[in-house]
Amino acid sequence: LKITPEYKLKFYPNKGKLVQYDIGVGMWNYFRPNDNFRNSDRTISPSMNFTYKSGVRMNIRFYNRLTYLYNDFDPTGLNPDNALPGNKKYYYSSFKLSYNSDVRKDFFYRFEPDIGQFYNGMKYSLENTFNWRFQPFMTTSLSLNYDHIALEKGFPTENIWLIRPKIDFTFTKNIFWTSYIQFSSQSENLGINSRLQWRFAPLSDLFFVYNDAYDTKNSFLPKIRSFNFKLTYWLNI
């Protein structure tokens, strides 16, 4: 059973740099019917949002969480043999700031630091996304995610990276090329997905897809490599 009420009070200033701002609070509750409706997960999150005439958007949010672990759990995803004990409630709180620059510009970005408690320890996170548009031919983006997880004494401390570049190139109105690259220090994997698309008729496409994955722990040994073809055709009956 999920109950998720959320309330916002919005303001629209007549003067100044602000276009709109709001103050709100949300609550997310999950109850387990098969466990006497135990409140297994609860998040209370007050927030403030600001939208400026320049196109900049900012969000400040506080999270107060309750998590009941039914089983042992490793929140780092890297140390299953040294997991947090289950059958126990964990209370933790954190702050998150989000800053989005003007998406109408050729270069725009998002900056999101997140700092606070994490189960029985602390977590310091940073998410960055950078976007470039080279109109009308190409758009690129780069996402950088970093998590420093420091649990209490006796449990591991980890630094986790996730890096995701992306390129979209338009050769013509009907031929497109998209490539994704993803590196995860958590899974110790480097993945590549490259796709060439030919739209030969309305809603009809031919795709040439190349997939590659490497084990970064073992001298970048290839794990998966494939070439795929996909054809879609719209029948207007």
C-alpha atoms as a PDB file:
ATOM      1  CA  LEU A   1       0.000   0.000   0.000  1.00  0.00           C
ATOM      2  CA  LYS A   2       1.425   3.368  -1.038  1.00  0.00           C
ATOM      3  CA  ILE A   3       0.254   6.752   0.276  1.00  0.00           C
ATOM      4  CA  THR A   4       1.995   9.827  -1.175  1.00  0.00           C
ATOM      5  CA  PRO A   5       0.376  13.183  -0.319  1.00  0.00           C
ATOM      6  CA  GLU A   6       2.138  16.326  -1.552  1.00  0.00           C
ATOM      7  CA  TYR A   7       1.292  20.000  -1.098  1.00  0.00           C
ATOM      8  CA  LYS A   8       2.674  23.174  -2.683  1.00  0.00           C
ATOM      9  CA  LEU A   9       2.063  26.873  -2.192  1.00  0.00           C
ATOM     10  CA  LYS A  10       3.065  28.887  -5.276  1.00  0.00           C
ATOM     11  CA  PHE A  11       3.943  32.573  -5.587  1.00  0.00           C
ATOM     12  CA  TYR A  12       4.259  34.735  -8.731  1.00  0.00           C
ATOM     13  CA  PRO A  13       6.178  37.994  -8.024  1.00  0.00           C
ATOM     14  CA  ASN A  14       5.328  41.044 -10.145  1.00  0.00           C
ATOM     15  CA  LYS A  15       8.837  42.508  -9.902  1.00  0.00           C
ATOM     16  CA  GLY A  16      12.406  41.337  -9.682  1.00  0.00           C
ATOM     17  CA  LYS A  17      14.314  38.444 -11.259  1.00  0.00           C
ATOM     18  CA  LEU A  18      12.015  35.707  -9.988  1.00  0.00           C
ATOM     19  CA  VAL A  19       9.226  34.427 -12.230  1.00  0.00           C
ATOM     20  CA  GLN A  20       7.825  31.933  -9.752  1.00  0.00           C
ATOM     21  CA  TYR A  21       8.724  30.200  -6.497  1.00  0.00           C
ATOM     22  CA  ASP A  22       6.992  27.682  -4.296  1.00  0.00           C
ATOM     23  CA  ILE A  23       7.199  26.071  -0.880  1.00  0.00           C
ATOM     24  CA  GLY A  24       6.040  22.507  -0.536  1.00  0.00           C
ATOM     25  CA  VAL A  25       6.159  19.299   1.440  1.00  0.00           C
ATOM     26  CA  GLY A  26       5.738  15.728   0.295  1.00  0.00           C
ATOM     27  CA  MET A  27       5.405  12.436   2.125  1.00  0.00           C
ATOM     28  CA  TRP A  28       5.915   8.959   0.708  1.00  0.00           C
ATOM     29  CA  ASN A  29       4.682   6.030   2.816  1.00  0.00           C
ATOM     30  CA  TYR A  30       4.801   2.336   1.963  1.00  0.00           C
ATOM     31  CA  PHE A  31       2.852  -0.173   4.064  1.00  0.00           C
ATOM     32  CA  ARG A  32       3.188  -3.946   3.853  1.00  0.00           C
ATOM     33  CA  PRO A  33      -0.246  -5.674   3.983  1.00  0.00           C
ATOM     34  CA  ASN A  34       1.437  -9.066   4.489  1.00  0.00           C
ATOM     35  CA  ASP A  35       3.231  -7.721   7.593  1.00  0.00           C
ATOM     36  CA  ASN A  36       0.311  -6.188   9.518  1.00  0.00           C
ATOM     37  CA  PHE A  37       0.638  -3.028   7.380  1.00  0.00           C
ATOM     38  CA  ARG A  38       4.068  -2.236   8.740  1.00  0.00           C
ATOM     39  CA  ASN A  39       5.339   1.193   7.602  1.00  0.00           C
ATOM     40  CA  SER A  40       8.448  -0.211   5.897  1.00  0.00           C
ATOM     41  CA  ASP A  41       9.484   3.001   4.098  1.00  0.00           C
ATOM     42  CA  ARG A  42       8.700   6.627   4.865  1.00  0.00           C
ATOM     43  CA  THR A  43      10.124   9.849   3.477  1.00  0.00           C
ATOM     44  CA  ILE A  44       9.130  13.369   4.557  1.00  0.00           C
ATOM     45  CA  SER A  45      10.530  16.020   2.240  1.00  0.00           C
ATOM     46  CA  PRO A  46       9.955  19.800   2.528  1.00  0.00           C
ATOM     47  CA  SER A  47      11.284  21.793  -0.429  1.00  0.00           C
ATOM     48  CA  MET A  48      11.627  25.212  -2.055  1.00  0.00           C
ATOM     49  CA  ASN A  49      11.755  25.829  -5.812  1.00  0.00           C
ATOM     50  CA  PHE A  50      12.806  28.997  -7.647  1.00  0.00           C
ATOM     51  CA  THR A  51      12.410  29.863 -11.343  1.00  0.00           C
ATOM     52  CA  TYR A  52      14.183  32.967 -12.701  1.00  0.00           C
ATOM     53  CA  LYS A  53      13.602  35.090 -15.801  1.00  0.00           C
ATOM     54  CA  SER A  54      17.062  34.079 -16.995  1.00  0.00           C
ATOM     55  CA  GLY A  55      15.864  30.465 -17.282  1.00  0.00           C
ATOM     56  CA  VAL A  56      17.782  29.322 -14.192  1.00  0.00           C
ATOM     57  CA  ARG A  57      15.932  26.923 -11.876  1.00  0.00           C
ATOM     58  CA  MET A  58      16.925  26.057  -8.299  1.00  0.00           C
ATOM     59  CA  ASN A  59      15.586  23.503  -5.830  1.00  0.00           C
ATOM     60  CA  ILE A  60      16.438  23.024  -2.151  1.00  0.00           C
ATOM     61  CA  ARG A  61      15.083  19.878  -0.554  1.00  0.00           C
ATOM     62  CA  PHE A  62      15.378  18.144   2.823  1.00  0.00           C
ATOM     63  CA  TYR A  63      14.792  14.407   3.230  1.00  0.00           C
ATOM     64  CA  ASN A  64      13.907  12.635   6.465  1.00  0.00           C
ATOM     65  CA  ARG A  65      13.748   8.893   5.895  1.00  0.00           C
ATOM     66  CA  LEU A  66      12.733   5.725   7.683  1.00  0.00           C
ATOM     67  CA  THR A  67      13.719   2.382   6.160  1.00  0.00           C
ATOM     68  CA  TYR A  68      12.935  -0.986   7.672  1.00  0.00           C
ATOM     69  CA  LEU A  69      15.298  -3.655   6.358  1.00  0.00           C
ATOM     70  CA  TYR A  70      13.732  -7.097   6.304  1.00  0.00           C
ATOM     71  CA  ASN A  71      17.013  -8.710   5.235  1.00  0.00           C
ATOM     72  CA  ASP A  72      20.714  -7.915   5.452  1.00  0.00           C
ATOM     73  CA  PHE A  73      21.558  -5.208   2.916  1.00  0.00           C
ATOM     74  CA  ASP A  74      24.723  -3.701   1.459  1.00  0.00           C
ATOM     75  CA  PRO A  75      23.928  -0.073   0.461  1.00  0.00           C
ATOM     76  CA  THR A  76      27.254   0.271  -1.379  1.00  0.00           C
ATOM     77  CA  GLY A  77      26.541  -2.673  -3.672  1.00  0.00           C
ATOM     78  CA  LEU A  78      30.187  -3.718  -3.302  1.00  0.00           C
ATOM     79  CA  ASN A  79      30.415  -5.629  -0.016  1.00  0.00           C
ATOM     80  CA  PRO A  80      27.645  -8.239   0.223  1.00  0.00           C
ATOM     81  CA  ASP A  81      29.657 -10.211   2.806  1.00  0.00           C
ATOM     82  CA  ASN A  82      29.653  -7.239   5.186  1.00  0.00           C
ATOM     83  CA  ALA A  83      26.069  -5.989   4.918  1.00  0.00           C
ATOM     84  CA  LEU A  84      23.942  -3.993   7.319  1.00  0.00           C
ATOM     85  CA  PRO A  85      21.833  -6.229   9.590  1.00  0.00           C
ATOM     86  CA  GLY A  86      18.205  -6.764   8.658  1.00  0.00           C
ATOM     87  CA  ASN A  87      15.071  -6.830  10.828  1.00  0.00           C
ATOM     88  CA  LYS A  88      15.929  -3.306  11.930  1.00  0.00           C
ATOM     89  CA  LYS A  89      14.736   0.293  11.392  1.00  0.00           C
ATOM     90  CA  TYR A  90      17.108   2.961  10.086  1.00  0.00           C
ATOM     91  CA  TYR A  91      16.443   6.692  10.426  1.00  0.00           C
ATOM     92  CA  TYR A  92      18.516   9.149   8.378  1.00  0.00           C
ATOM     93  CA  SER A  93      18.266  12.662   6.921  1.00  0.00           C
ATOM     94  CA  SER A  94      19.959  14.626   4.130  1.00  0.00           C
ATOM     95  CA  PHE A  95      19.929  17.890   2.139  1.00  0.00           C
ATOM     96  CA  LYS A  96      19.956  18.202  -1.636  1.00  0.00           C
ATOM     97  CA  LEU A  97      20.527  21.261  -3.820  1.00  0.00           C
ATOM     98  CA  SER A  98      19.723  21.319  -7.527  1.00  0.00           C
ATOM     99  CA  TYR A  99      20.847  24.079  -9.901  1.00  0.00           C
ATOM    100  CA  ASN A 100      19.812  24.046 -13.565  1.00  0.00           C
ATOM    101  CA  SER A 101      21.159  26.626 -15.975  1.00  0.00           C
ATOM    102  CA  ASP A 102      19.167  28.042 -18.905  1.00  0.00           C
ATOM    103  CA  VAL A 103      18.312  25.102 -21.207  1.00  0.00           C
ATOM    104  CA  ARG A 104      17.629  27.508 -24.102  1.00  0.00           C
ATOM    105  CA  LYS A 105      21.361  28.132 -24.512  1.00  0.00           C
ATOM    106  CA  ASP A 106      23.719  26.000 -26.563  1.00  0.00           C
ATOM    107  CA  PHE A 107      25.620  25.068 -23.400  1.00  0.00           C
ATOM    108  CA  PHE A 108      23.641  24.249 -20.260  1.00  0.00           C
ATOM    109  CA  TYR A 109      24.227  22.131 -17.175  1.00  0.00           C
ATOM    110  CA  ARG A 110      22.796  20.693 -13.969  1.00  0.00           C
ATOM    111  CA  PHE A 111      24.609  20.653 -10.605  1.00  0.00           C
ATOM    112  CA  GLU A 112      23.251  18.532  -7.704  1.00  0.00           C
ATOM    113  CA  PRO A 113      25.139  18.047  -4.427  1.00  0.00           C
ATOM    114  CA  ASP A 114      23.520  15.772  -1.828  1.00  0.00           C
ATOM    115  CA  ILE A 115      24.921  15.608   1.710  1.00  0.00           C
ATOM    116  CA  GLY A 116      23.686  13.855   4.834  1.00  0.00           C
ATOM    117  CA  GLN A 117      23.107  10.671   6.768  1.00  0.00           C
ATOM    118  CA  PHE A 118      22.820   7.325   5.006  1.00  0.00           C
ATOM    119  CA  TYR A 119      21.538   4.341   6.995  1.00  0.00           C
ATOM    120  CA  ASN A 120      24.053   4.134   9.886  1.00  0.00           C
ATOM    121  CA  GLY A 121      26.664   6.404   8.275  1.00  0.00           C
ATOM    122  CA  MET A 122      27.120   9.375   5.945  1.00  0.00           C
ATOM    123  CA  LYS A 123      26.928   9.899   2.196  1.00  0.00           C
ATOM    124  CA  TYR A 124      28.307  12.764   0.096  1.00  0.00           C
ATOM    125  CA  SER A 125      27.094  12.788  -3.485  1.00  0.00           C
ATOM    126  CA  LEU A 126      27.542  15.021  -6.500  1.00  0.00           C
ATOM    127  CA  GLU A 127      25.722  14.775  -9.829  1.00  0.00           C
ATOM    128  CA  ASN A 128      26.766  16.928 -12.782  1.00  0.00           C
ATOM    129  CA  THR A 129      25.364  16.945 -16.298  1.00  0.00           C
ATOM    130  CA  PHE A 130      26.832  19.109 -19.062  1.00  0.00           C
ATOM    131  CA  ASN A 131      25.098  19.561 -22.422  1.00  0.00           C
ATOM    132  CA  TRP A 132      26.346  21.144 -25.662  1.00  0.00           C
ATOM    133  CA  ARG A 133      24.335  21.828 -28.799  1.00  0.00           C
ATOM    134  CA  PHE A 134      26.089  22.411 -32.114  1.00  0.00           C
ATOM    135  CA  GLN A 135      23.046  23.233 -34.168  1.00  0.00           C
ATOM    136  CA  PRO A 136      21.767  21.811 -36.375  1.00  0.00           C
ATOM    137  CA  PHE A 137      24.065  18.793 -36.561  1.00  0.00           C
ATOM    138  CA  MET A 138      25.150  17.574 -33.145  1.00  0.00           C
ATOM    139  CA  THR A 139      24.253  17.459 -29.451  1.00  0.00           C
ATOM    140  CA  THR A 140      26.493  16.015 -26.748  1.00  0.00           C
ATOM    141  CA  SER A 141      26.183  15.449 -23.023  1.00  0.00           C
ATOM    142  CA  LEU A 142      28.396  14.288 -20.181  1.00  0.00           C
ATOM    143  CA  SER A 143      27.046  13.025 -16.845  1.00  0.00           C
ATOM    144  CA  LEU A 144      29.373  12.632 -13.848  1.00  0.00           C
ATOM    145  CA  ASN A 145      28.031  11.027 -10.661  1.00  0.00           C
ATOM    146  CA  TYR A 146      30.133  10.564  -7.533  1.00  0.00           C
ATOM    147  CA  ASP A 147      29.142   8.963  -4.198  1.00  0.00           C
ATOM    148  CA  HIS A 148      31.295   8.799  -1.076  1.00  0.00           C
ATOM    149  CA  ILE A 149      29.638   6.364   1.339  1.00  0.00           C
ATOM    150  CA  ALA A 150      31.114   6.147   4.840  1.00  0.00           C
ATOM    151  CA  LEU A 151      29.217   3.749   7.101  1.00  0.00           C
ATOM    152  CA  GLU A 152      29.897   3.399  10.807  1.00  0.00           C
ATOM    153  CA  LYS A 153      32.963   1.590  12.138  1.00  0.00           C
ATOM    154  CA  GLY A 154      33.123  -2.038  11.098  1.00  0.00           C
ATOM    155  CA  PHE A 155      31.455  -1.406   7.735  1.00  0.00           C
ATOM    156  CA  PRO A 156      33.147  -0.424   4.469  1.00  0.00           C
ATOM    157  CA  THR A 157      33.762   3.056   3.076  1.00  0.00           C
ATOM    158  CA  GLU A 158      33.431   3.316  -0.692  1.00  0.00           C
ATOM    159  CA  ASN A 159      33.878   5.845  -3.492  1.00  0.00           C
ATOM    160  CA  ILE A 160      31.610   5.150  -6.463  1.00  0.00           C
ATOM    161  CA  TRP A 161      31.845   6.767  -9.898  1.00  0.00           C
ATOM    162  CA  LEU A 162      29.411   6.713 -12.791  1.00  0.00           C
ATOM    163  CA  ILE A 163      30.489   8.488 -16.024  1.00  0.00           C
ATOM    164  CA  ARG A 164      28.159   8.671 -19.056  1.00  0.00           C
ATOM    165  CA  PRO A 165      29.057  10.558 -22.268  1.00  0.00           C
ATOM    166  CA  LYS A 166      26.538  10.689 -25.105  1.00  0.00           C
ATOM    167  CA  ILE A 167      26.705  11.970 -28.707  1.00  0.00           C
ATOM    168  CA  ASP A 168      23.814  12.542 -31.130  1.00  0.00           C
ATOM    169  CA  PHE A 169      24.747  13.390 -34.701  1.00  0.00           C
ATOM    170  CA  THR A 170      22.323  14.273 -37.501  1.00  0.00           C
ATOM    171  CA  PHE A 171      23.718  13.621 -40.980  1.00  0.00           C
ATOM    172  CA  THR A 172      20.499  14.383 -42.835  1.00  0.00           C
ATOM    173  CA  LYS A 173      16.796  14.614 -42.029  1.00  0.00           C
ATOM    174  CA  ASN A 174      16.634  10.804 -42.258  1.00  0.00           C
ATOM    175  CA  ILE A 175      19.996   9.501 -41.010  1.00  0.00           C
ATOM    176  CA  PHE A 176      21.050   9.741 -37.354  1.00  0.00           C
ATOM    177  CA  TRP A 177      23.899   8.364 -35.258  1.00  0.00           C
ATOM    178  CA  THR A 178      23.754   8.033 -31.457  1.00  0.00           C
ATOM    179  CA  SER A 179      26.499   6.700 -29.168  1.00  0.00           C
ATOM    180  CA  TYR A 180      26.454   6.059 -25.430  1.00  0.00           C
ATOM    181  CA  ILE A 181      29.441   5.237 -23.245  1.00  0.00           C
ATOM    182  CA  GLN A 182      29.076   4.300 -19.586  1.00  0.00           C
ATOM    183  CA  PHE A 183      31.734   3.560 -16.973  1.00  0.00           C
ATOM    184  CA  SER A 184      30.678   2.305 -13.534  1.00  0.00           C
ATOM    185  CA  SER A 185      33.224   1.717 -10.794  1.00  0.00           C
ATOM    186  CA  GLN A 186      30.527  -0.159  -8.860  1.00  0.00           C
ATOM    187  CA  SER A 187      30.023  -2.837 -11.507  1.00  0.00           C
ATOM    188  CA  GLU A 188      33.612  -2.416 -12.826  1.00  0.00           C
ATOM    189  CA  ASN A 189      32.199  -2.215 -16.320  1.00  0.00           C
ATOM    190  CA  LEU A 190      32.752  -0.022 -19.384  1.00  0.00           C
ATOM    191  CA  GLY A 191      29.872  -0.239 -21.832  1.00  0.00           C
ATOM    192  CA  ILE A 192      29.477   1.140 -25.365  1.00  0.00           C
ATOM    193  CA  ASN A 193      26.284   1.336 -27.383  1.00  0.00           C
ATOM    194  CA  SER A 194      26.429   2.882 -30.847  1.00  0.00           C
ATOM    195  CA  ARG A 195      23.370   3.068 -33.116  1.00  0.00           C
ATOM    196  CA  LEU A 196      22.943   4.211 -36.714  1.00  0.00           C
ATOM    197  CA  GLN A 197      19.336   4.935 -37.695  1.00  0.00           C
ATOM    198  CA  TRP A 198      17.925   5.332 -41.197  1.00  0.00           C
ATOM    199  CA  ARG A 199      14.330   6.568 -41.425  1.00  0.00           C
ATOM    200  CA  PHE A 200      13.490   5.382 -44.941  1.00  0.00           C
ATOM    201  CA  ALA A 201       9.725   6.080 -44.651  1.00  0.00           C
ATOM    202  CA  PRO A 202       7.371   7.732 -42.133  1.00  0.00           C
ATOM    203  CA  LEU A 203       7.598   5.896 -38.783  1.00  0.00           C
ATOM    204  CA  SER A 204       9.751   3.245 -40.469  1.00  0.00           C
ATOM    205  CA  ASP A 205      13.393   2.744 -39.470  1.00  0.00           C
ATOM    206  CA  LEU A 206      16.378   0.528 -40.026  1.00  0.00           C
ATOM    207  CA  PHE A 207      18.812   0.345 -37.092  1.00  0.00           C
ATOM    208  CA  PHE A 208      22.423  -0.870 -37.043  1.00  0.00           C
ATOM    209  CA  VAL A 209      23.492  -1.335 -33.403  1.00  0.00           C
ATOM    210  CA  TYR A 210      26.941  -2.107 -31.982  1.00  0.00           C
ATOM    211  CA  ASN A 211      27.256  -3.163 -28.309  1.00  0.00           C
ATOM    212  CA  ASP A 212      30.473  -3.660 -26.392  1.00  0.00           C
ATOM    213  CA  ALA A 213      31.292  -4.189 -22.709  1.00  0.00           C
ATOM    214  CA  TYR A 214      34.645  -4.484 -20.920  1.00  0.00           C
ATOM    215  CA  ASP A 215      35.649  -5.722 -17.480  1.00  0.00           C
ATOM    216  CA  THR A 216      37.716  -2.820 -16.121  1.00  0.00           C
ATOM    217  CA  LYS A 217      39.014  -4.932 -13.224  1.00  0.00           C
ATOM    218  CA  ASN A 218      40.769  -7.419 -15.496  1.00  0.00           C
ATOM    219  CA  SER A 219      42.761  -5.309 -17.972  1.00  0.00           C
ATOM    220  CA  PHE A 220      39.665  -4.294 -19.948  1.00  0.00           C
ATOM    221  CA  LEU A 221      38.843  -7.815 -21.097  1.00  0.00           C
ATOM    222  CA  PRO A 222      35.808  -7.860 -23.408  1.00  0.00           C
ATOM    223  CA  LYS A 223      32.671  -9.346 -21.820  1.00  0.00           C
ATOM    224  CA  ILE A 224      30.052  -8.863 -24.543  1.00  0.00           C
ATOM    225  CA  ARG A 225      30.338  -7.764 -28.166  1.00  0.00           C
ATOM    226  CA  SER A 226      27.533  -7.794 -30.695  1.00  0.00           C
ATOM    227  CA  PHE A 227      26.170  -6.307 -33.918  1.00  0.00           C
ATOM    228  CA  ASN A 228      22.406  -6.109 -34.272  1.00  0.00           C
ATOM    229  CA  PHE A 229      19.968  -5.105 -36.988  1.00  0.00           C
ATOM    230  CA  LYS A 230      16.423  -3.967 -36.347  1.00  0.00           C
ATOM    231  CA  LEU A 231      13.740  -3.077 -38.884  1.00  0.00           C
ATOM    232  CA  THR A 232      10.445  -1.358 -38.139  1.00  0.00           C
ATOM    233  CA  TYR A 233       7.857  -0.586 -40.803  1.00  0.00           C
ATOM    234  CA  TRP A 234       4.576   1.251 -40.392  1.00  0.00           C
ATOM    235  CA  LEU A 235       1.641  -0.308 -42.234  1.00  0.00           C
ATOM    236  CA  ASN A 236      -1.011   2.328 -42.865  1.00  0.00           C
ATOM    237  CA  ILE A 237      -4.043   0.107 -43.313  1.00  0.00           C
END
